[in-house]
Amino acid sequence: MMKICLALIAALTLMFAVSMVSNYIFRDEYPDKLAIDVPGFDGPLVNRATVQRSWPNGLDDLSARAQLRTHMGDIENLEVAKPLTSVTTRASEPVPDLATLLASADATNGERRARICAACHTFNDGGRNGVGPNLWDVLGREIATTDSYNYSNALSIELGSWTLEKIDAYLLNPNNEIPGNKMAFSGLRRARDRADVIAYLRMQSAAPIPLPEPVPVDQQP
């Protein structure tokens, strides 16, 4: 029994020694460049073919092995990721001008979209001011002229009126259009949603302002 144990220990020792010598003699070098470029990958780089030959035992440091596994996972994900063709297509599609959007706008959908505004605003004739001013007949009205409402300094000094274009830009990004205003709203990103809300606001008036003529397709930028 003792001889068997000694033989087993000797065999394991020999295997370990051979492995150590092999790793030392045939140790892989990890270049700092990828065999191919992977767009968007800016972490520490390794050669994938080299790693596959000695994964991950070619690194003595355990933390380095863990780091290598992480980086290889990142590379794999980047290599199999599908190109964002749908996003690129959407981004490249021209957005119709506001007049064209308003010509086919859905005021009913705009009313639904405007419900998020009802926490601060009223829309009916003679409605009270809340956190925000009453929005009856707001389109075409001079900015910051609702009776008995305490406007922010930013709106109080803003010149002009709530034109269709002005309110469209404000609904897109209030803080960008009039910096320093106090409306806590991040904006509506989709142009068609903004057009629908504007169509709803236009109907909240005894005399809705006229809509502009859509720009002909061959004259659009």
Foldseek 3Di string as FASTA:
>chain_A
DVVVVVVVVVVVVVVVVVVVVCLVVVQFDWDQDEPDDQPPDDDRDGYPVSCVVPQPVSDPDPVVNVVVVVVVVVVVCSVPDDDPPVVVVVVPDDDFDLLVLLVPAALVLLVVVCVVVVVQEALAVPDCGGVHYHLQVQEPAWFPDGPPDDWWPQRVPDGDGRHLVLVLVCQQAVCVSRNPGDDPDGHDPDSNSSSNNVNNSQVSYPDRDDGDDGDDPVPDD
